[in-house]
Amino acid sequence: QVHVVESGGGSVQAGGSLRLSCSVSGATSNRLCVAWFRQATGKEREAVARLDRGGNSTYADSVSGRFPISKGNAKNTLTLPMNSLKPEDSAMYYCATPTPYHLRSCSFPDEYGYDAWGQGTQVTVSA
């Protein structure tokens, strides 16, 4: 069973930085499709960034250039450095990956195929 765990959220002032991490266990492959999503209070969940199985990254326009997604040092981990944070970046951030049931899926920005989700980590950016 695929299990996803996020860490690294917190509170920071505008212009500051945070670093989120995502760990995926139980995966049958080392080549993962992993994406970050976020949901602010009262808003729909939206895609933030994705790293596909080939190591290519894709970003939402709102974070492009500020949140460089990359593989972590440990196996099946992912990091999301968040730089130049803005109050509108405040949200619960979720990491997600397709399980073997959706082996060929790696959607962005929609959520199709992402059926293993973490519990989320809160990011709060104050003005």
N, C-alpha and C. Protein backbone atom coordinates (compact mmCIF):
# COMPACT_ATOMS: atom_id res chain seq x y z
N GLN A 1 0.85 -1.19 0.00
CA GLN A 1 0.00 0.00 0.00
C GLN A 1 0.89 1.24 0.00
N VAL A 2 0.57 2.18 -0.89
CA VAL A 2 1.35 3.40 -0.99
C VAL A 2 0.95 4.37 0.12
N HIS A 3 1.96 4.91 0.77
CA HIS A 3 1.72 5.82 1.89
C HIS A 3 2.51 7.10 1.65
N VAL A 4 1.84 8.24 1.84
CA VAL A 4 2.46 9.54 1.56
C VAL A 4 2.47 10.37 2.84
N VAL A 5 3.60 10.97 3.14
CA VAL A 5 3.71 11.81 4.34
C VAL A 5 4.39 13.12 3.97
N GLU A 6 3.77 14.23 4.33
CA GLU A 6 4.36 15.55 4.13
C GLU A 6 4.94 16.07 5.44
N SER A 7 5.90 16.96 5.31
CA SER A 7 6.46 17.63 6.48
C SER A 7 7.02 18.97 6.06
N GLY A 8 7.27 19.83 7.03
CA GLY A 8 7.97 21.08 6.75
C GLY A 8 7.13 22.33 6.73
N GLY A 9 5.85 22.23 6.97
CA GLY A 9 5.03 23.43 6.98
C GLY A 9 5.34 24.30 8.18
N GLY A 10 4.72 25.46 8.22
CA GLY A 10 4.92 26.37 9.35
C GLY A 10 4.42 27.75 9.04
N SER A 11 4.84 28.69 9.85
CA SER A 11 4.44 30.08 9.68
C SER A 11 5.65 30.93 9.37
N VAL A 12 5.47 31.87 8.47
CA VAL A 12 6.58 32.72 8.05
C VAL A 12 6.02 34.06 7.59
N GLN A 13 6.85 35.09 7.63
CA GLN A 13 6.42 36.39 7.12
C GLN A 13 6.59 36.43 5.61
N ALA A 14 5.84 37.32 4.99
CA ALA A 14 5.93 37.50 3.54
C ALA A 14 7.37 37.78 3.13
N GLY A 15 7.77 37.14 2.05
CA GLY A 15 9.14 37.27 1.58
C GLY A 15 10.06 36.18 2.10
N GLY A 16 9.60 35.45 3.09
CA GLY A 16 10.40 34.39 3.68
C GLY A 16 10.33 33.09 2.89
N SER A 17 10.94 32.06 3.46
CA SER A 17 11.02 30.76 2.79
C SER A 17 10.65 29.63 3.74
N LEU A 18 10.13 28.58 3.16
CA LEU A 18 9.89 27.32 3.85
C LEU A 18 10.28 26.21 2.90
N ARG A 19 10.47 25.01 3.45
CA ARG A 19 10.84 23.87 2.62
C ARG A 19 9.96 22.70 3.02
N LEU A 20 9.13 22.26 2.08
CA LEU A 20 8.27 21.12 2.31
C LEU A 20 8.95 19.85 1.80
N SER A 21 8.67 18.75 2.46
CA SER A 21 9.17 17.46 2.03
C SER A 21 8.03 16.47 1.91
N CYS A 22 8.18 15.54 1.01
CA CYS A 22 7.18 14.50 0.79
C CYS A 22 7.91 13.16 0.71
N SER A 23 7.43 12.22 1.47
CA SER A 23 8.02 10.88 1.47
C SER A 23 6.96 9.88 1.02
N VAL A 24 7.31 9.06 0.04
CA VAL A 24 6.41 8.06 -0.49
C VAL A 24 6.96 6.67 -0.18
N SER A 25 6.19 5.88 0.53
CA SER A 25 6.60 4.52 0.84
C SER A 25 5.62 3.53 0.24
N GLY A 26 6.09 2.32 0.02
CA GLY A 26 5.22 1.29 -0.53
C GLY A 26 5.08 1.34 -2.04
N ALA A 27 5.81 2.23 -2.68
CA ALA A 27 5.73 2.31 -4.14
C ALA A 27 6.48 1.16 -4.78
N THR A 28 6.01 0.72 -5.92
CA THR A 28 6.64 -0.41 -6.61
C THR A 28 7.71 0.04 -7.59
N SER A 29 7.85 1.33 -7.77
CA SER A 29 8.83 1.86 -8.71
C SER A 29 9.60 3.00 -8.06
N ASN A 30 10.85 3.19 -8.53
CA ASN A 30 11.64 4.33 -8.08
C ASN A 30 11.36 5.57 -8.93
N ARG A 31 10.67 5.35 -10.03
CA ARG A 31 10.35 6.47 -10.91
C ARG A 31 8.91 6.87 -10.62
N LEU A 32 8.78 7.91 -9.84
CA LEU A 32 7.46 8.30 -9.38
C LEU A 32 6.97 9.56 -10.06
N CYS A 33 5.68 9.65 -10.14
CA CYS A 33 5.02 10.90 -10.47
C CYS A 33 4.50 11.43 -9.14
N VAL A 34 4.94 12.60 -8.75
CA VAL A 34 4.51 13.17 -7.47
C VAL A 34 4.14 14.63 -7.70
N ALA A 35 3.07 15.03 -7.09
CA ALA A 35 2.60 16.41 -7.25
C ALA A 35 2.23 17.02 -5.91
N TRP A 36 2.35 18.32 -5.86
CA TRP A 36 1.89 19.09 -4.71
C TRP A 36 0.63 19.84 -5.10
N PHE A 37 -0.32 19.82 -4.18
CA PHE A 37 -1.54 20.57 -4.31
C PHE A 37 -1.72 21.41 -3.06
N ARG A 38 -2.56 22.42 -3.13
CA ARG A 38 -2.84 23.21 -1.94
C ARG A 38 -4.29 23.64 -1.92
N GLN A 39 -4.77 23.84 -0.71
CA GLN A 39 -6.14 24.29 -0.55
C GLN A 39 -6.19 25.35 0.54
N ALA A 40 -6.55 26.55 0.14
CA ALA A 40 -6.73 27.63 1.09
C ALA A 40 -8.14 27.59 1.65
N THR A 41 -8.32 28.16 2.78
CA THR A 41 -9.63 28.17 3.43
C THR A 41 -10.66 28.81 2.52
N GLY A 42 -11.74 28.08 2.29
CA GLY A 42 -12.82 28.59 1.47
C GLY A 42 -12.59 28.52 -0.02
N LYS A 43 -11.50 27.90 -0.43
CA LYS A 43 -11.19 27.81 -1.85
C LYS A 43 -11.05 26.36 -2.28
N GLU A 44 -11.12 26.14 -3.59
CA GLU A 44 -10.93 24.80 -4.11
C GLU A 44 -9.44 24.44 -4.09
N ARG A 45 -9.20 23.15 -4.03
CA ARG A 45 -7.82 22.68 -4.07
C ARG A 45 -7.25 22.94 -5.48
N GLU A 46 -5.98 23.34 -5.51
CA GLU A 46 -5.35 23.64 -6.79
C GLU A 46 -3.98 22.99 -6.86
N ALA A 47 -3.56 22.72 -8.09
CA ALA A 47 -2.23 22.13 -8.28
C ALA A 47 -1.16 23.19 -8.13
N VAL A 48 -0.04 22.78 -7.58
CA VAL A 48 1.07 23.70 -7.35
C VAL A 48 2.26 23.33 -8.24
N ALA A 49 2.69 22.09 -8.15
CA ALA A 49 3.87 21.65 -8.92
C ALA A 49 3.85 20.14 -9.04
N ARG A 50 4.51 19.65 -10.07
CA ARG A 50 4.57 18.22 -10.32
C ARG A 50 5.95 17.84 -10.81
N LEU A 51 6.42 16.68 -10.37
CA LEU A 51 7.63 16.09 -10.91
C LEU A 51 7.22 14.77 -11.54
N ASP A 52 7.43 14.64 -12.84
CA ASP A 52 6.95 13.42 -13.49
C ASP A 52 7.99 12.31 -13.44
N ARG A 53 7.67 11.17 -14.01
CA ARG A 53 8.53 9.98 -13.90
C ARG A 53 9.86 10.15 -14.61
N GLY A 54 9.92 11.11 -15.52
CA GLY A 54 11.17 11.40 -16.20
C GLY A 54 11.99 12.47 -15.51
N GLY A 55 11.52 12.96 -14.38
CA GLY A 55 12.23 14.00 -13.65
C GLY A 55 11.95 15.40 -14.13
N ASN A 56 10.92 15.55 -14.94
CA ASN A 56 10.57 16.88 -15.46
C ASN A 56 9.58 17.56 -14.53
N SER A 57 9.75 18.85 -14.36
CA SER A 57 8.89 19.60 -13.45
C SER A 57 7.91 20.50 -14.20
N THR A 58 6.76 20.67 -13.60
CA THR A 58 5.72 21.54 -14.13
C THR A 58 5.15 22.34 -12.97
N TYR A 59 4.81 23.61 -13.26
CA TYR A 59 4.38 24.50 -12.18
C TYR A 59 3.12 25.26 -12.54
N ALA A 60 2.38 25.58 -11.50
CA ALA A 60 1.31 26.56 -11.66
C ALA A 60 1.95 27.92 -11.88
N ASP A 61 1.29 28.76 -12.67
CA ASP A 61 1.85 30.08 -12.95
C ASP A 61 2.11 30.88 -11.68
N SER A 62 1.27 30.67 -10.70
CA SER A 62 1.37 31.45 -9.47
C SER A 62 2.64 31.17 -8.65
N VAL A 63 3.28 30.02 -8.90
CA VAL A 63 4.46 29.67 -8.11
C VAL A 63 5.71 29.49 -8.97
N SER A 64 5.56 29.55 -10.26
CA SER A 64 6.70 29.33 -11.16
C SER A 64 7.83 30.30 -10.84
N GLY A 65 9.02 29.74 -10.69
CA GLY A 65 10.18 30.57 -10.37
C GLY A 65 10.41 30.74 -8.88
N ARG A 66 9.44 30.36 -8.08
CA ARG A 66 9.58 30.51 -6.61
C ARG A 66 9.64 29.18 -5.89
N PHE A 67 9.02 28.13 -6.42
CA PHE A 67 8.91 26.83 -5.76
C PHE A 67 9.57 25.76 -6.64
N PRO A 68 10.87 25.61 -6.62
CA PRO A 68 11.53 24.63 -7.50
C PRO A 68 11.46 23.20 -6.95
N ILE A 69 10.52 22.43 -7.44
CA ILE A 69 10.32 21.06 -6.99
C ILE A 69 11.51 20.19 -7.41
N SER A 70 11.89 19.26 -6.57
CA SER A 70 13.01 18.40 -6.92
C SER A 70 12.97 17.12 -6.10
N LYS A 71 13.74 16.13 -6.54
CA LYS A 71 13.87 14.89 -5.78
C LYS A 71 14.70 15.17 -4.52
N GLY A 72 14.33 14.47 -3.45
CA GLY A 72 15.10 14.58 -2.23
C GLY A 72 16.30 13.64 -2.26
N ASN A 73 17.13 13.70 -1.23
CA ASN A 73 18.30 12.84 -1.17
C ASN A 73 17.94 11.39 -0.87
N ALA A 74 16.91 11.20 -0.09
CA ALA A 74 16.50 9.84 0.25
C ALA A 74 15.62 9.27 -0.86
N LYS A 75 15.57 7.97 -0.94
CA LYS A 75 14.78 7.30 -1.95
C LYS A 75 13.31 7.68 -1.83
N ASN A 76 12.70 7.96 -2.98
CA ASN A 76 11.27 8.27 -3.06
C ASN A 76 10.86 9.42 -2.14
N THR A 77 11.72 10.42 -2.07
CA THR A 77 11.36 11.65 -1.38
C THR A 77 11.40 12.82 -2.35
N LEU A 78 10.68 13.84 -2.02
CA LEU A 78 10.54 15.00 -2.88
C LEU A 78 10.60 16.24 -2.00
N THR A 79 11.20 17.29 -2.49
CA THR A 79 11.22 18.52 -1.73
C THR A 79 10.56 19.64 -2.53
N LEU A 80 9.99 20.58 -1.81
CA LEU A 80 9.41 21.75 -2.43
C LEU A 80 9.89 22.98 -1.67
N PRO A 81 11.03 23.54 -2.07
CA PRO A 81 11.46 24.80 -1.47
C PRO A 81 10.49 25.89 -1.88
N MET A 82 10.07 26.67 -0.93
CA MET A 82 9.09 27.73 -1.19
C MET A 82 9.76 29.05 -0.84
N ASN A 83 10.03 29.83 -1.86
CA ASN A 83 10.76 31.09 -1.69
C ASN A 83 9.86 32.29 -2.01
N SER A 84 10.26 33.43 -1.50
CA SER A 84 9.51 34.67 -1.74
C SER A 84 8.02 34.46 -1.47
N LEU A 85 7.73 33.91 -0.34
CA LEU A 85 6.36 33.56 -0.01
C LEU A 85 5.47 34.79 0.12
N LYS A 86 4.23 34.60 -0.27
CA LYS A 86 3.23 35.67 -0.24
C LYS A 86 2.06 35.23 0.64
N PRO A 87 1.33 36.16 1.18
CA PRO A 87 0.16 35.77 1.99
C PRO A 87 -0.80 34.85 1.22
N GLU A 88 -0.91 35.03 -0.08
CA GLU A 88 -1.82 34.19 -0.86
C GLU A 88 -1.29 32.77 -1.04
N ASP A 89 -0.07 32.50 -0.61
CA ASP A 89 0.43 31.13 -0.60
C ASP A 89 -0.04 30.35 0.61
N SER A 90 -0.67 31.01 1.55
CA SER A 90 -1.15 30.34 2.75
C SER A 90 -2.20 29.31 2.39
N ALA A 91 -2.00 28.09 2.84
CA ALA A 91 -2.90 26.99 2.50
C ALA A 91 -2.43 25.72 3.19
N MET A 92 -3.28 24.71 3.12
CA MET A 92 -2.85 23.36 3.47
C MET A 92 -2.24 22.76 2.20
N TYR A 93 -1.03 22.26 2.33
CA TYR A 93 -0.34 21.70 1.19
C TYR A 93 -0.35 20.17 1.27
N TYR A 94 -0.70 19.56 0.15
CA TYR A 94 -0.80 18.12 0.07
C TYR A 94 0.14 17.57 -1.00
N CYS A 95 0.74 16.45 -0.68
CA CYS A 95 1.54 15.71 -1.65
C CYS A 95 0.73 14.49 -2.10
N ALA A 96 0.80 14.18 -3.36
CA ALA A 96 0.01 13.06 -3.88
C ALA A 96 0.76 12.34 -4.99
N THR A 97 0.43 11.06 -5.15
CA THR A 97 1.06 10.26 -6.19
C THR A 97 0.07 9.21 -6.67
N PRO A 98 0.16 8.83 -7.93
CA PRO A 98 -0.69 7.74 -8.41
C PRO A 98 -0.20 6.40 -7.85
N THR A 99 -1.13 5.54 -7.49
CA THR A 99 -0.78 4.18 -7.09
C THR A 99 -0.68 3.31 -8.34
N PRO A 100 -0.30 2.04 -8.19
CA PRO A 100 -0.23 1.16 -9.36
C PRO A 100 -1.55 1.03 -10.13
N TYR A 101 -2.67 1.38 -9.50
CA TYR A 101 -3.95 1.35 -10.22
C TYR A 101 -3.98 2.39 -11.34
N HIS A 102 -3.14 3.42 -11.22
CA HIS A 102 -3.07 4.47 -12.22
C HIS A 102 -1.63 4.64 -12.67
N LEU A 103 -1.04 3.54 -13.04
CA LEU A 103 0.40 3.50 -13.31
C LEU A 103 0.82 4.48 -14.40
N ARG A 104 -0.05 4.74 -15.36
CA ARG A 104 0.33 5.60 -16.48
C ARG A 104 -0.09 7.06 -16.28
N SER A 105 -0.74 7.34 -15.16
CA SER A 105 -1.24 8.69 -14.94
C SER A 105 -0.17 9.59 -14.33
N CYS A 106 -0.18 10.81 -14.77
CA CYS A 106 0.68 11.85 -14.16
C CYS A 106 0.12 13.20 -14.59
N SER A 107 -1.09 13.45 -14.19
CA SER A 107 -1.81 14.63 -14.66
C SER A 107 -1.30 15.91 -14.03
N PHE A 108 -1.55 17.00 -14.70
CA PHE A 108 -1.31 18.33 -14.14
C PHE A 108 -2.00 19.32 -15.05
N PRO A 109 -2.78 20.26 -14.54
CA PRO A 109 -3.01 20.52 -13.12
C PRO A 109 -4.19 19.75 -12.51
N ASP A 110 -4.86 18.88 -13.28
CA ASP A 110 -6.00 18.18 -12.68
C ASP A 110 -5.52 17.05 -11.77
N GLU A 111 -6.43 16.49 -11.02
CA GLU A 111 -6.07 15.52 -9.99
C GLU A 111 -6.29 14.08 -10.42
N TYR A 112 -6.61 13.85 -11.69
CA TYR A 112 -6.90 12.49 -12.14
C TYR A 112 -5.72 11.56 -11.88
N GLY A 113 -6.03 10.44 -11.27
CA GLY A 113 -5.01 9.42 -11.07
C GLY A 113 -4.26 9.52 -9.76
N TYR A 114 -4.37 10.65 -9.08
CA TYR A 114 -3.67 10.81 -7.80
C TYR A 114 -4.54 10.19 -6.71
N ASP A 115 -4.26 8.97 -6.36
CA ASP A 115 -5.10 8.29 -5.40
C ASP A 115 -4.39 7.94 -4.10
N ALA A 116 -3.17 8.40 -3.93
CA ALA A 116 -2.48 8.28 -2.64
C ALA A 116 -2.11 9.68 -2.19
N TRP A 117 -2.69 10.12 -1.09
CA TRP A 117 -2.51 11.49 -0.60
C TRP A 117 -1.97 11.48 0.82
N GLY A 118 -1.18 12.49 1.11
CA GLY A 118 -0.75 12.68 2.48
C GLY A 118 -1.81 13.40 3.29
N GLN A 119 -1.51 13.61 4.56
CA GLN A 119 -2.47 14.24 5.45
C GLN A 119 -2.44 15.77 5.34
N GLY A 120 -1.43 16.29 4.70
CA GLY A 120 -1.32 17.74 4.51
C GLY A 120 -0.44 18.39 5.56
N THR A 121 0.13 19.51 5.17
CA THR A 121 0.93 20.31 6.10
C THR A 121 0.58 21.78 5.88
N GLN A 122 0.35 22.49 6.96
CA GLN A 122 -0.14 23.86 6.87
C GLN A 122 1.00 24.85 6.65
N VAL A 123 0.77 25.77 5.73
CA VAL A 123 1.69 26.88 5.48
C VAL A 123 0.92 28.17 5.70
N THR A 124 1.44 29.02 6.55
CA THR A 124 0.80 30.30 6.83
C THR A 124 1.81 31.41 6.60
N VAL A 125 1.45 32.35 5.75
CA VAL A 125 2.33 33.47 5.42
C VAL A 125 1.64 34.76 5.86
N SER A 126 2.28 35.48 6.74
CA SER A 126 1.69 36.72 7.24
C SER A 126 2.27 37.91 6.48
N ALA A 127 1.45 38.92 6.35
CA ALA A 127 1.85 40.14 5.61
C ALA A 127 2.86 40.97 6.40
